């Protein structure tokens, strides 16, 4: 058996070992350290850049902030209902009931009952609303999509009923004043903006990654 030609070593490699001088960089695969570099070229693979977790978008931060803003607006819009107890308001209600055929005493009793019910209903709805707002807010703080959905339902119902409250309050002689109308419209405007944020693609995509 003849010897290999001059300069060759067994195996056909110039230096006799794989990855010797016959490889670029002196290592298998042409890499200086014998290992391939990043999957995406020269930069290391970075989560959040190539399919990693999505960073919190600005709209989601605004969504959380405006949850509290909407809560404040709702509380402010409810305050006038606690003061619908003046003599002028009661006289207006009595006059409305008398026009419907009631006696003066019956009209007075109905007006007192109506104002007491209004105050009680306002307290109950306010307490429930504050609880729901806090539930949604802390749910969003934990990146829960159910909090967004709950807020959407609550926002739609709240805005519609607030507008209906103005309409029916005027029809029933409940003394809806200009301040009450302005505060209610402010609440509705804030709620509409909150709904726009909640329905945005950025918010939905961000929360989707936390869905199990």
N, C-alpha and C. Protein backbone atom coordinates (compact mmCIF):
# COMPACT_ATOMS: atom_id res chain seq x y z
N UNK A 1 0.87 -1.18 0.00
CA UNK A 1 0.00 0.00 0.00
C UNK A 1 0.89 1.21 0.00
N UNK A 2 0.61 2.14 -0.93
CA UNK A 2 1.48 3.31 -1.09
C UNK A 2 1.14 4.35 -0.07
N UNK A 3 2.11 5.20 0.20
CA UNK A 3 1.89 6.31 1.12
C UNK A 3 1.06 7.40 0.45
N UNK A 4 0.30 8.18 1.26
CA UNK A 4 -0.47 9.29 0.67
C UNK A 4 0.45 10.31 0.06
N UNK A 5 -0.08 11.04 -0.91
CA UNK A 5 0.76 12.08 -1.53
C UNK A 5 1.24 13.07 -0.51
N UNK A 6 2.33 13.74 -0.88
CA UNK A 6 2.93 14.72 0.01
C UNK A 6 1.92 15.81 0.33
N UNK A 7 1.79 16.19 1.60
CA UNK A 7 0.88 17.26 2.00
C UNK A 7 -0.47 16.75 2.42
N UNK A 8 -0.78 15.47 2.11
CA UNK A 8 -2.07 14.94 2.52
C UNK A 8 -1.87 14.02 3.70
N UNK A 9 -2.91 13.92 4.50
CA UNK A 9 -2.92 13.03 5.64
C UNK A 9 -4.10 12.10 5.50
N UNK A 10 -4.11 11.02 6.26
CA UNK A 10 -5.25 10.09 6.17
C UNK A 10 -6.56 10.81 6.42
N UNK A 11 -7.55 10.45 5.62
CA UNK A 11 -8.87 11.10 5.73
C UNK A 11 -9.03 12.20 4.71
N UNK A 12 -7.97 12.54 4.02
CA UNK A 12 -8.08 13.53 2.97
C UNK A 12 -8.03 14.96 3.46
N UNK A 13 -7.73 15.19 4.77
CA UNK A 13 -7.66 16.56 5.29
C UNK A 13 -6.22 17.03 5.28
N UNK A 14 -5.98 18.25 4.87
CA UNK A 14 -4.61 18.74 4.77
C UNK A 14 -3.86 18.63 6.08
N UNK A 15 -4.50 18.81 7.22
CA UNK A 15 -3.80 18.76 8.49
C UNK A 15 -4.00 17.46 9.22
N UNK A 16 -4.80 16.57 8.62
CA UNK A 16 -5.06 15.28 9.22
C UNK A 16 -6.21 15.27 10.18
N UNK A 17 -6.80 16.41 10.46
CA UNK A 17 -7.92 16.50 11.39
C UNK A 17 -9.03 17.33 10.75
N UNK A 18 -10.28 16.90 10.94
CA UNK A 18 -11.39 17.72 10.43
C UNK A 18 -11.36 19.08 11.10
N UNK A 19 -11.63 20.09 10.33
CA UNK A 19 -11.67 21.43 10.90
C UNK A 19 -10.31 22.05 11.05
N UNK A 20 -9.29 21.47 10.40
CA UNK A 20 -7.98 22.07 10.48
C UNK A 20 -7.88 23.26 9.57
N UNK A 21 -6.73 23.33 8.86
CA UNK A 21 -6.52 24.49 8.01
C UNK A 21 -7.43 24.48 6.80
N UNK A 22 -8.12 23.35 6.56
CA UNK A 22 -8.99 23.29 5.40
C UNK A 22 -10.34 23.94 5.63
N UNK A 23 -10.62 24.37 6.89
CA UNK A 23 -11.90 25.02 7.19
C UNK A 23 -11.67 26.49 7.42
N UNK A 24 -12.62 27.31 6.91
CA UNK A 24 -12.49 28.74 7.21
C UNK A 24 -12.56 28.95 8.71
N UNK A 25 -11.65 29.73 9.24
CA UNK A 25 -11.62 29.99 10.66
C UNK A 25 -11.00 28.88 11.45
N UNK A 26 -10.66 27.77 10.78
CA UNK A 26 -10.02 26.67 11.46
C UNK A 26 -10.95 25.81 12.25
N UNK A 27 -12.28 25.93 12.08
CA UNK A 27 -13.25 25.15 12.83
C UNK A 27 -14.30 24.62 11.87
N UNK A 28 -14.94 23.51 12.25
CA UNK A 28 -15.98 22.96 11.37
C UNK A 28 -17.09 23.97 11.16
N UNK A 29 -17.63 24.00 9.96
CA UNK A 29 -18.74 24.88 9.65
C UNK A 29 -18.33 26.30 9.33
N UNK A 30 -17.06 26.59 9.43
CA UNK A 30 -16.58 27.90 9.07
C UNK A 30 -16.78 28.95 10.15
N UNK A 31 -17.04 28.55 11.43
CA UNK A 31 -17.24 29.50 12.50
C UNK A 31 -16.00 29.53 13.37
N UNK A 32 -15.53 30.69 13.76
CA UNK A 32 -14.28 30.81 14.53
C UNK A 32 -14.29 29.98 15.80
N UNK A 33 -15.42 29.89 16.48
CA UNK A 33 -15.46 29.16 17.75
C UNK A 33 -16.12 27.80 17.61
N UNK A 34 -16.42 27.39 16.39
CA UNK A 34 -17.02 26.08 16.17
C UNK A 34 -18.52 26.05 16.36
N UNK A 35 -19.17 27.18 16.68
CA UNK A 35 -20.60 27.25 16.90
C UNK A 35 -21.21 28.30 15.98
N UNK A 36 -22.40 28.01 15.47
CA UNK A 36 -23.05 29.02 14.63
C UNK A 36 -23.39 30.25 15.44
N UNK A 37 -23.45 31.38 14.79
CA UNK A 37 -23.82 32.62 15.46
C UNK A 37 -25.33 32.67 15.62
N UNK A 38 -25.88 33.87 15.87
CA UNK A 38 -27.31 34.01 16.13
C UNK A 38 -28.16 33.46 15.01
N UNK A 39 -29.32 33.00 15.36
CA UNK A 39 -30.27 32.49 14.36
C UNK A 39 -30.65 33.57 13.38
N UNK A 40 -30.57 34.80 13.83
CA UNK A 40 -30.97 35.91 12.97
C UNK A 40 -29.79 36.78 12.60
N UNK A 41 -28.69 36.17 12.25
CA UNK A 41 -27.55 36.93 11.77
C UNK A 41 -26.58 37.20 12.89
N UNK A 42 -26.10 38.42 12.94
CA UNK A 42 -25.06 38.74 13.91
C UNK A 42 -25.61 39.10 15.27
N UNK A 43 -26.91 39.44 15.40
CA UNK A 43 -27.48 39.83 16.69
C UNK A 43 -28.10 38.63 17.37
N UNK A 44 -27.97 38.53 18.68
CA UNK A 44 -28.59 37.43 19.40
C UNK A 44 -30.10 37.49 19.28
N UNK A 45 -30.74 36.35 19.42
CA UNK A 45 -32.21 36.28 19.36
C UNK A 45 -32.78 37.00 20.57
N UNK A 46 -33.62 37.98 20.35
CA UNK A 46 -34.16 38.80 21.43
C UNK A 46 -35.65 38.58 21.56
N UNK A 47 -36.13 38.08 22.73
CA UNK A 47 -37.57 37.95 22.94
C UNK A 47 -38.25 39.29 22.80
N UNK A 48 -39.43 39.30 22.18
CA UNK A 48 -40.13 40.55 21.94
C UNK A 48 -39.82 41.13 20.58
N UNK A 49 -38.67 40.67 19.99
CA UNK A 49 -38.31 41.14 18.65
C UNK A 49 -38.70 40.11 17.61
N UNK A 50 -38.45 38.85 17.91
CA UNK A 50 -38.77 37.78 16.97
C UNK A 50 -39.73 36.80 17.66
N UNK A 51 -41.01 37.16 17.74
CA UNK A 51 -42.01 36.27 18.27
C UNK A 51 -42.04 36.18 19.78
N UNK A 52 -41.30 37.04 20.49
CA UNK A 52 -41.31 37.04 21.94
C UNK A 52 -42.50 37.80 22.48
N UNK A 53 -42.57 37.96 23.80
CA UNK A 53 -43.70 38.68 24.41
C UNK A 53 -43.80 40.10 23.89
N UNK A 54 -45.03 40.54 23.64
CA UNK A 54 -45.28 41.89 23.14
C UNK A 54 -45.20 42.88 24.30
N UNK A 55 -44.50 43.97 24.09
CA UNK A 55 -44.42 44.99 25.12
C UNK A 55 -45.77 45.68 25.30
N UNK A 56 -46.01 46.21 26.49
CA UNK A 56 -47.29 46.86 26.77
C UNK A 56 -47.47 48.09 25.87
N UNK A 57 -48.52 48.12 25.06
CA UNK A 57 -48.72 49.27 24.18
C UNK A 57 -49.26 50.47 24.95
N UNK A 58 -49.09 51.63 24.38
CA UNK A 58 -49.54 52.87 25.02
C UNK A 58 -51.05 52.87 25.23
N UNK A 59 -51.78 52.30 24.30
CA UNK A 59 -53.24 52.29 24.41
C UNK A 59 -53.70 51.47 25.60
N UNK A 60 -52.96 50.42 25.94
CA UNK A 60 -53.35 49.63 27.10
C UNK A 60 -53.08 50.40 28.39
N UNK A 61 -52.00 51.15 28.41
CA UNK A 61 -51.72 52.00 29.57
C UNK A 61 -52.81 53.06 29.73
N UNK A 62 -53.23 53.64 28.60
CA UNK A 62 -54.32 54.62 28.64
C UNK A 62 -55.63 53.97 29.08
N UNK A 63 -55.84 52.73 28.66
CA UNK A 63 -57.06 52.03 29.05
C UNK A 63 -57.16 51.91 30.57
N UNK A 64 -56.06 51.56 31.22
CA UNK A 64 -56.06 51.46 32.67
C UNK A 64 -56.28 52.82 33.32
N UNK A 65 -55.63 53.84 32.77
CA UNK A 65 -55.78 55.18 33.34
C UNK A 65 -57.21 55.68 33.21
N UNK A 66 -57.79 55.48 32.04
CA UNK A 66 -59.15 55.99 31.81
C UNK A 66 -60.21 55.13 32.48
N UNK A 67 -59.84 53.97 32.98
CA UNK A 67 -60.78 53.23 33.83
C UNK A 67 -61.04 54.02 35.11
N UNK A 68 -59.99 54.59 35.67
CA UNK A 68 -60.13 55.40 36.87
C UNK A 68 -60.77 56.76 36.55
N UNK A 69 -60.44 57.31 35.39
CA UNK A 69 -61.05 58.58 34.98
C UNK A 69 -62.56 58.41 34.80
N UNK A 70 -62.95 57.30 34.18
CA UNK A 70 -64.37 57.01 33.98
C UNK A 70 -65.08 56.81 35.32
N UNK A 71 -64.40 56.16 36.25
CA UNK A 71 -64.97 55.99 37.59
C UNK A 71 -65.23 57.34 38.25
N UNK A 72 -64.27 58.24 38.17
CA UNK A 72 -64.44 59.58 38.75
C UNK A 72 -65.58 60.33 38.07
N UNK A 73 -65.65 60.21 36.74
CA UNK A 73 -66.73 60.88 36.00
C UNK A 73 -68.10 60.32 36.38
N UNK A 74 -68.14 58.99 36.60
CA UNK A 74 -69.41 58.37 36.97
C UNK A 74 -69.87 58.85 38.35
N UNK A 75 -68.94 58.92 39.30
CA UNK A 75 -69.28 59.39 40.64
C UNK A 75 -69.77 60.83 40.59
N UNK A 76 -69.08 61.67 39.83
CA UNK A 76 -69.50 63.07 39.70
C UNK A 76 -70.89 63.19 39.08
N UNK A 77 -71.15 62.36 38.07
CA UNK A 77 -72.46 62.43 37.40
C UNK A 77 -73.58 61.94 38.31
N UNK A 78 -73.23 61.15 39.34
CA UNK A 78 -74.25 60.64 40.26
C UNK A 78 -74.56 61.62 41.39
N UNK A 79 -73.66 62.55 41.66
CA UNK A 79 -73.84 63.46 42.79
C UNK A 79 -75.12 64.29 42.73
N UNK A 80 -75.49 64.86 41.56
CA UNK A 80 -76.72 65.66 41.55
C UNK A 80 -77.95 64.90 42.00
N UNK A 81 -77.96 63.58 41.82
CA UNK A 81 -79.13 62.79 42.23
C UNK A 81 -79.33 62.83 43.73
N UNK A 82 -78.25 63.04 44.49
CA UNK A 82 -78.38 63.11 45.95
C UNK A 82 -78.96 64.44 46.42
N UNK A 83 -78.98 65.40 45.51
CA UNK A 83 -79.47 66.73 45.90
C UNK A 83 -80.81 67.05 45.27
N UNK A 84 -81.41 66.02 44.65
CA UNK A 84 -82.76 66.21 44.10
C UNK A 84 -83.75 66.07 45.26
N UNK A 85 -83.69 66.99 46.19
CA UNK A 85 -84.57 66.95 47.36
C UNK A 85 -84.99 68.34 47.81
N UNK A 86 -84.73 69.34 46.97
CA UNK A 86 -85.12 70.70 47.32
C UNK A 86 -86.62 70.90 47.27
N UNK A 87 -87.05 71.98 47.90
CA UNK A 87 -88.49 72.27 47.93
C UNK A 87 -89.05 72.49 46.54
N UNK A 88 -88.29 73.18 45.69
CA UNK A 88 -88.77 73.47 44.35
C UNK A 88 -88.97 72.19 43.55
N UNK A 89 -88.04 71.26 43.70
CA UNK A 89 -88.15 70.00 42.99
C UNK A 89 -89.37 69.23 43.47
N UNK A 90 -89.58 69.23 44.80
CA UNK A 90 -90.71 68.50 45.33
C UNK A 90 -92.03 69.12 44.88
N UNK A 91 -92.07 70.44 44.84
CA UNK A 91 -93.28 71.12 44.37
C UNK A 91 -93.56 70.79 42.90
N UNK A 92 -92.51 70.70 42.11
CA UNK A 92 -92.69 70.34 40.70
C UNK A 92 -93.26 68.93 40.57
N UNK A 93 -92.77 68.02 41.41
CA UNK A 93 -93.28 66.65 41.36
C UNK A 93 -94.74 66.59 41.81
N UNK A 94 -95.06 67.35 42.85
CA UNK A 94 -96.44 67.38 43.33
C UNK A 94 -97.37 67.90 42.24
N UNK A 95 -96.94 68.96 41.57
CA UNK A 95 -97.76 69.52 40.50
C UNK A 95 -97.96 68.50 39.38
N UNK A 96 -96.90 67.74 39.06
CA UNK A 96 -97.01 66.73 38.01
C UNK A 96 -98.01 65.65 38.40
N UNK A 97 -97.96 65.21 39.66
CA UNK A 97 -98.89 64.17 40.12
C UNK A 97 -100.32 64.69 40.18
N UNK A 98 -100.48 65.94 40.58
CA UNK A 98 -101.83 66.51 40.65
C UNK A 98 -102.45 66.63 39.26
N UNK A 99 -101.62 66.92 38.28
CA UNK A 99 -102.12 67.00 36.91
C UNK A 99 -102.58 65.64 36.39
N UNK A 100 -102.07 64.58 37.00
CA UNK A 100 -102.49 63.25 36.58
C UNK A 100 -103.77 62.79 37.29
N UNK A 101 -104.33 63.64 38.17
CA UNK A 101 -105.60 63.34 38.82
C UNK A 101 -105.52 63.01 40.29
N UNK A 102 -104.33 63.07 40.90
CA UNK A 102 -104.19 62.78 42.32
C UNK A 102 -104.60 63.98 43.16
N UNK A 103 -105.01 63.68 44.40
CA UNK A 103 -105.29 64.76 45.34
C UNK A 103 -103.97 65.36 45.83
N UNK A 104 -104.05 66.51 46.54
CA UNK A 104 -102.84 67.17 47.01
C UNK A 104 -102.06 66.28 47.97
N UNK A 105 -102.78 65.58 48.88
CA UNK A 105 -102.11 64.71 49.85
C UNK A 105 -101.46 63.52 49.15
N UNK A 106 -102.18 62.93 48.22
CA UNK A 106 -101.62 61.79 47.49
C UNK A 106 -100.39 62.21 46.68
N UNK A 107 -100.48 63.39 46.09
CA UNK A 107 -99.35 63.89 45.31
C UNK A 107 -98.14 64.14 46.20
N UNK A 108 -98.37 64.68 47.41
CA UNK A 108 -97.27 64.93 48.34
C UNK A 108 -96.63 63.63 48.79
N UNK A 109 -97.48 62.64 49.10
CA UNK A 109 -96.95 61.34 49.53
C UNK A 109 -96.15 60.68 48.41
N UNK A 110 -96.65 60.76 47.21
CA UNK A 110 -95.96 60.15 46.08
C UNK A 110 -94.64 60.85 45.79
N UNK A 111 -94.63 62.16 45.97
CA UNK A 111 -93.38 62.89 45.72
C UNK A 111 -92.32 62.51 46.74
N UNK A 112 -92.71 62.37 48.01
CA UNK A 112 -91.75 61.98 49.04
C UNK A 112 -91.24 60.55 48.79
N UNK A 113 -92.15 59.68 48.42
CA UNK A 113 -91.75 58.30 48.13
C UNK A 113 -90.82 58.25 46.92
N UNK A 114 -91.16 59.03 45.90
CA UNK A 114 -90.33 59.03 44.70
C UNK A 114 -88.93 59.55 44.96
N UNK A 115 -88.81 60.57 45.80
CA UNK A 115 -87.48 61.12 46.09
C UNK A 115 -86.68 60.17 46.97
N UNK A 116 -87.35 59.48 47.91
CA UNK A 116 -86.65 58.51 48.75
C UNK A 116 -86.15 57.34 47.91
N UNK A 117 -87.00 56.88 47.00
CA UNK A 117 -86.59 55.78 46.11
C UNK A 117 -85.43 56.21 45.22
N UNK A 118 -85.49 57.43 44.75
CA UNK A 118 -84.42 57.93 43.89
C UNK A 118 -83.09 57.95 44.62
N UNK A 119 -83.12 58.43 45.88
CA UNK A 119 -81.89 58.48 46.66
C UNK A 119 -81.35 57.08 46.95
N UNK A 120 -82.24 56.18 47.36
CA UNK A 120 -81.82 54.81 47.65
C UNK A 120 -81.28 54.10 46.42
N UNK A 121 -81.96 54.28 45.29
CA UNK A 121 -81.51 53.65 44.05
C UNK A 121 -80.15 54.20 43.63
N UNK A 122 -79.94 55.49 43.84
CA UNK A 122 -78.67 56.10 43.47
C UNK A 122 -77.53 55.53 44.30
N UNK A 123 -77.75 55.35 45.61
CA UNK A 123 -76.72 54.79 46.48
C UNK A 123 -76.38 53.36 46.08
N UNK A 124 -77.40 52.56 45.84
CA UNK A 124 -77.17 51.15 45.49
C UNK A 124 -76.40 51.03 44.18
N UNK A 125 -76.85 51.76 43.16
CA UNK A 125 -76.17 51.70 41.86
C UNK A 125 -74.75 52.24 41.94
N UNK A 126 -74.54 53.26 42.78
CA UNK A 126 -73.20 53.82 42.91
C UNK A 126 -72.25 52.82 43.55
N UNK A 127 -72.69 52.14 44.58
CA UNK A 127 -71.84 51.15 45.25
C UNK A 127 -71.50 49.99 44.30
N UNK A 128 -72.52 49.52 43.58
CA UNK A 128 -72.28 48.42 42.63
C UNK A 128 -71.32 48.86 41.52
N UNK A 129 -71.53 50.09 41.04
CA UNK A 129 -70.68 50.59 39.96
C UNK A 129 -69.24 50.73 40.39
N UNK A 130 -69.01 51.26 41.59
CA UNK A 130 -67.63 51.39 42.08
C UNK A 130 -66.98 50.01 42.20
N UNK A 131 -67.73 49.03 42.69
CA UNK A 131 -67.19 47.68 42.78
C UNK A 131 -66.81 47.10 41.43
N UNK A 132 -67.67 47.32 40.43
CA UNK A 132 -67.38 46.82 39.08
C UNK A 132 -66.17 47.54 38.48
N UNK A 133 -66.08 48.83 38.70
CA UNK A 133 -64.93 49.58 38.19
C UNK A 133 -63.62 49.04 38.77
N UNK A 134 -63.61 48.82 40.08
CA UNK A 134 -62.39 48.32 40.72
C UNK A 134 -62.07 46.91 40.24
N UNK A 135 -63.10 46.09 40.02
CA UNK A 135 -62.88 44.74 39.49
C UNK A 135 -62.22 44.80 38.12
N UNK A 136 -62.72 45.67 37.26
CA UNK A 136 -62.15 45.82 35.92
C UNK A 136 -60.73 46.37 35.99
N UNK A 137 -60.52 47.38 36.83
CA UNK A 137 -59.20 48.01 36.91
C UNK A 137 -58.13 47.02 37.36
N UNK A 138 -58.40 46.31 38.46
CA UNK A 138 -57.39 45.38 38.96
C UNK A 138 -57.24 44.16 38.04
N UNK A 139 -58.31 43.81 37.32
CA UNK A 139 -58.19 42.76 36.32
C UNK A 139 -57.27 43.18 35.18
N UNK A 140 -57.40 44.42 34.74
CA UNK A 140 -56.52 44.94 33.69
C UNK A 140 -55.08 45.03 34.18
N UNK A 141 -54.90 45.38 35.45
CA UNK A 141 -53.55 45.45 36.01
C UNK A 141 -52.87 44.08 35.94
N UNK A 142 -53.67 43.01 35.99
CA UNK A 142 -53.13 41.66 35.90
C UNK A 142 -53.17 41.10 34.47
N UNK A 143 -53.47 42.00 33.51
CA UNK A 143 -53.49 41.62 32.08
C UNK A 143 -54.52 40.54 31.78
N UNK A 144 -55.70 40.66 32.38
CA UNK A 144 -56.78 39.70 32.16
C UNK A 144 -57.74 40.21 31.09
N UNK A 145 -57.95 39.39 30.07
CA UNK A 145 -58.84 39.81 28.99
C UNK A 145 -60.30 39.86 29.44
N UNK A 146 -60.67 39.04 30.43
CA UNK A 146 -62.05 39.09 30.91
C UNK A 146 -62.37 40.45 31.51
N UNK A 147 -61.36 41.14 32.04
CA UNK A 147 -61.58 42.48 32.59
C UNK A 147 -61.94 43.46 31.47
N UNK A 148 -61.29 43.32 30.33
CA UNK A 148 -61.61 44.17 29.18
C UNK A 148 -63.05 43.91 28.72
N UNK A 149 -63.43 42.63 28.62
CA UNK A 149 -64.78 42.28 28.18
C UNK A 149 -65.82 42.78 29.18
N UNK A 150 -65.56 42.59 30.46
CA UNK A 150 -66.48 43.07 31.49
C UNK A 150 -66.62 44.59 31.42
N UNK A 151 -65.52 45.27 31.23
CA UNK A 151 -65.56 46.73 31.11
C UNK A 151 -66.35 47.19 29.91
N UNK A 152 -66.23 46.46 28.80
CA UNK A 152 -66.99 46.82 27.60
C UNK A 152 -68.49 46.71 27.85
N UNK A 153 -68.91 45.61 28.45
CA UNK A 153 -70.33 45.42 28.74
C UNK A 153 -70.83 46.50 29.71
N UNK A 154 -70.07 46.71 30.76
CA UNK A 154 -70.45 47.70 31.76
C UNK A 154 -70.47 49.11 31.17
N UNK A 155 -69.49 49.42 30.32
CA UNK A 155 -69.43 50.74 29.71
C UNK A 155 -70.61 51.01 28.79
N UNK A 156 -70.95 50.03 27.98
CA UNK A 156 -72.09 50.19 27.07
C UNK A 156 -73.40 50.37 27.85
N UNK A 157 -73.61 49.52 28.85
CA UNK A 157 -74.84 49.62 29.65
C UNK A 157 -74.89 50.94 30.41
N UNK A 158 -73.77 51.33 31.00
CA UNK A 158 -73.73 52.57 31.77
C UNK A 158 -74.01 53.80 30.93
N UNK A 159 -73.40 53.85 29.75
CA UNK A 159 -73.60 55.02 28.88
C UNK A 159 -75.05 55.12 28.42
N UNK A 160 -75.63 53.98 28.02
CA UNK A 160 -77.02 53.99 27.54
C UNK A 160 -77.98 54.38 28.65
N UNK A 161 -77.83 53.80 29.83
CA UNK A 161 -78.75 54.08 30.93
C UNK A 161 -78.58 55.50 31.45
N UNK A 162 -77.37 56.05 31.36
CA UNK A 162 -77.16 57.43 31.78
C UNK A 162 -77.94 58.39 30.88
N UNK A 163 -77.87 58.14 29.58
CA UNK A 163 -78.62 58.98 28.66
C UNK A 163 -80.13 58.81 28.84
N UNK A 164 -80.55 57.57 29.06
CA UNK A 164 -81.98 57.33 29.30
C UNK A 164 -82.43 57.97 30.60
N UNK A 165 -81.53 58.01 31.59
CA UNK A 165 -81.87 58.65 32.86
C UNK A 165 -82.18 60.12 32.70
N UNK A 166 -81.43 60.78 31.86
CA UNK A 166 -81.71 62.20 31.60
C UNK A 166 -83.07 62.36 30.95
N UNK A 167 -83.34 61.52 29.96
CA UNK A 167 -84.61 61.62 29.23
C UNK A 167 -85.81 61.34 30.13
N UNK A 168 -85.77 60.23 30.86
CA UNK A 168 -86.90 59.86 31.71
C UNK A 168 -87.01 60.77 32.92
N UNK A 169 -85.88 61.26 33.43
CA UNK A 169 -85.93 62.19 34.55
C UNK A 169 -86.65 63.46 34.19
N UNK A 170 -86.43 63.93 32.99
CA UNK A 170 -87.13 65.13 32.52
C UNK A 170 -88.62 64.88 32.35
N UNK A 171 -88.95 63.71 31.81
CA UNK A 171 -90.36 63.39 31.57
C UNK A 171 -91.14 63.19 32.87
N UNK A 172 -90.47 62.66 33.90
CA UNK A 172 -91.15 62.37 35.16
C UNK A 172 -91.05 63.50 36.16
N UNK A 173 -90.49 64.61 35.74
CA UNK A 173 -90.39 65.77 36.62
C UNK A 173 -89.42 65.58 37.77
N UNK A 174 -88.31 64.85 37.53
CA UNK A 174 -87.34 64.60 38.59
C UNK A 174 -86.32 65.72 38.73
N UNK A 175 -86.52 66.78 37.99
CA UNK A 175 -85.67 67.95 38.17
C UNK A 175 -84.25 67.81 37.67
N UNK A 176 -84.07 67.27 36.49
CA UNK A 176 -82.74 67.16 35.90
C UNK A 176 -82.26 68.55 35.51
N UNK A 177 -81.17 69.00 36.11
CA UNK A 177 -80.69 70.35 35.85
C UNK A 177 -79.53 70.34 34.86
N UNK A 178 -79.06 71.56 34.54
CA UNK A 178 -78.00 71.69 33.55
C UNK A 178 -76.71 71.03 34.02
N UNK A 179 -76.40 71.16 35.33
CA UNK A 179 -75.17 70.56 35.85
C UNK A 179 -75.22 69.04 35.72
N UNK A 180 -76.36 68.45 36.03
CA UNK A 180 -76.50 67.01 35.91
C UNK A 180 -76.33 66.55 34.48
N UNK A 181 -76.88 67.31 33.54
CA UNK A 181 -76.75 66.95 32.13
C UNK A 181 -75.30 67.03 31.68
N UNK A 182 -74.60 68.09 32.09
CA UNK A 182 -73.20 68.27 31.69
C UNK A 182 -72.33 67.14 32.26
N UNK A 183 -72.52 66.81 33.53
CA UNK A 183 -71.72 65.75 34.14
C UNK A 183 -72.01 64.39 33.52
N UNK A 184 -73.27 64.16 33.19
CA UNK A 184 -73.62 62.88 32.56
C UNK A 184 -73.01 62.78 31.17
N UNK A 185 -73.05 63.85 30.42
CA UNK A 185 -72.46 63.84 29.08
C UNK A 185 -70.94 63.68 29.16
N UNK A 186 -70.34 64.26 30.21
CA UNK A 186 -68.90 64.08 30.42
C UNK A 186 -68.58 62.61 30.66
N UNK A 187 -69.38 61.98 31.51
CA UNK A 187 -69.19 60.55 31.78
C UNK A 187 -69.35 59.72 30.50
N UNK A 188 -70.36 60.03 29.71
CA UNK A 188 -70.59 59.28 28.47
C UNK A 188 -69.42 59.46 27.52
N UNK A 189 -68.89 60.69 27.42
CA UNK A 189 -67.77 60.95 26.51
C UNK A 189 -66.53 60.16 26.94
N UNK A 190 -66.23 60.16 28.24
CA UNK A 190 -65.08 59.41 28.74
C UNK A 190 -65.26 57.91 28.50
N UNK A 191 -66.49 57.43 28.70
CA UNK A 191 -66.77 56.01 28.50
C UNK A 191 -66.62 55.61 27.04
N UNK A 192 -67.07 56.46 26.14
CA UNK A 192 -66.93 56.17 24.71
C UNK A 192 -65.44 56.07 24.34
N UNK A 193 -64.63 56.97 24.87
CA UNK A 193 -63.18 56.91 24.59
C UNK A 193 -62.58 55.63 25.17
N UNK A 194 -63.02 55.24 26.37
CA UNK A 194 -62.53 54.00 26.97
C UNK A 194 -62.89 52.81 26.09
N UNK A 195 -64.10 52.80 25.56
CA UNK A 195 -64.53 51.70 24.68
C UNK A 195 -63.69 51.65 23.41
N UNK A 196 -63.35 52.81 22.87
CA UNK A 196 -62.49 52.85 21.68
C UNK A 196 -61.13 52.21 21.98
N UNK A 197 -60.58 52.50 23.16
CA UNK A 197 -59.30 51.90 23.54
C UNK A 197 -59.46 50.39 23.72
N UNK A 198 -60.54 49.98 24.36
CA UNK A 198 -60.75 48.56 24.63
C UNK A 198 -60.92 47.75 23.35
N UNK A 199 -61.49 48.35 22.33
CA UNK A 199 -61.71 47.64 21.07
C UNK A 199 -60.50 47.75 20.13
N UNK A 200 -59.48 48.49 20.49
CA UNK A 200 -58.33 48.69 19.60
C UNK A 200 -57.57 47.38 19.40
N UNK A 201 -56.96 47.25 18.24
CA UNK A 201 -56.19 46.04 17.91
C UNK A 201 -55.00 45.85 18.83
N UNK A 202 -54.34 46.95 19.19
CA UNK A 202 -53.16 46.85 20.06
C UNK A 202 -53.51 46.21 21.40
N UNK A 203 -54.62 46.66 21.98
CA UNK A 203 -55.02 46.13 23.29
C UNK A 203 -55.43 44.67 23.18
N UNK A 204 -56.21 44.34 22.17
CA UNK A 204 -56.66 42.95 22.02
C UNK A 204 -55.47 42.02 21.77
N UNK A 205 -54.52 42.44 20.94
CA UNK A 205 -53.35 41.60 20.66
C UNK A 205 -52.49 41.43 21.89
N UNK A 206 -52.32 42.51 22.64
CA UNK A 206 -51.49 42.45 23.85
C UNK A 206 -52.08 41.48 24.88
N UNK A 207 -53.38 41.56 25.11
CA UNK A 207 -54.00 40.70 26.12
C UNK A 207 -54.12 39.25 25.65
N UNK A 208 -54.15 39.06 24.34
CA UNK A 208 -54.29 37.70 23.79
C UNK A 208 -53.13 36.82 24.19
N UNK A 209 -51.94 37.39 24.33
CA UNK A 209 -50.77 36.58 24.67
C UNK A 209 -50.80 36.05 26.10
N UNK A 210 -51.70 36.63 26.93
CA UNK A 210 -51.81 36.16 28.32
C UNK A 210 -52.96 35.16 28.49
N UNK A 211 -53.70 34.91 27.40
CA UNK A 211 -54.81 33.98 27.47
C UNK A 211 -54.30 32.56 27.51
N UNK A 212 -54.79 31.81 28.46
CA UNK A 212 -54.37 30.41 28.58
C UNK A 212 -55.44 29.48 28.01
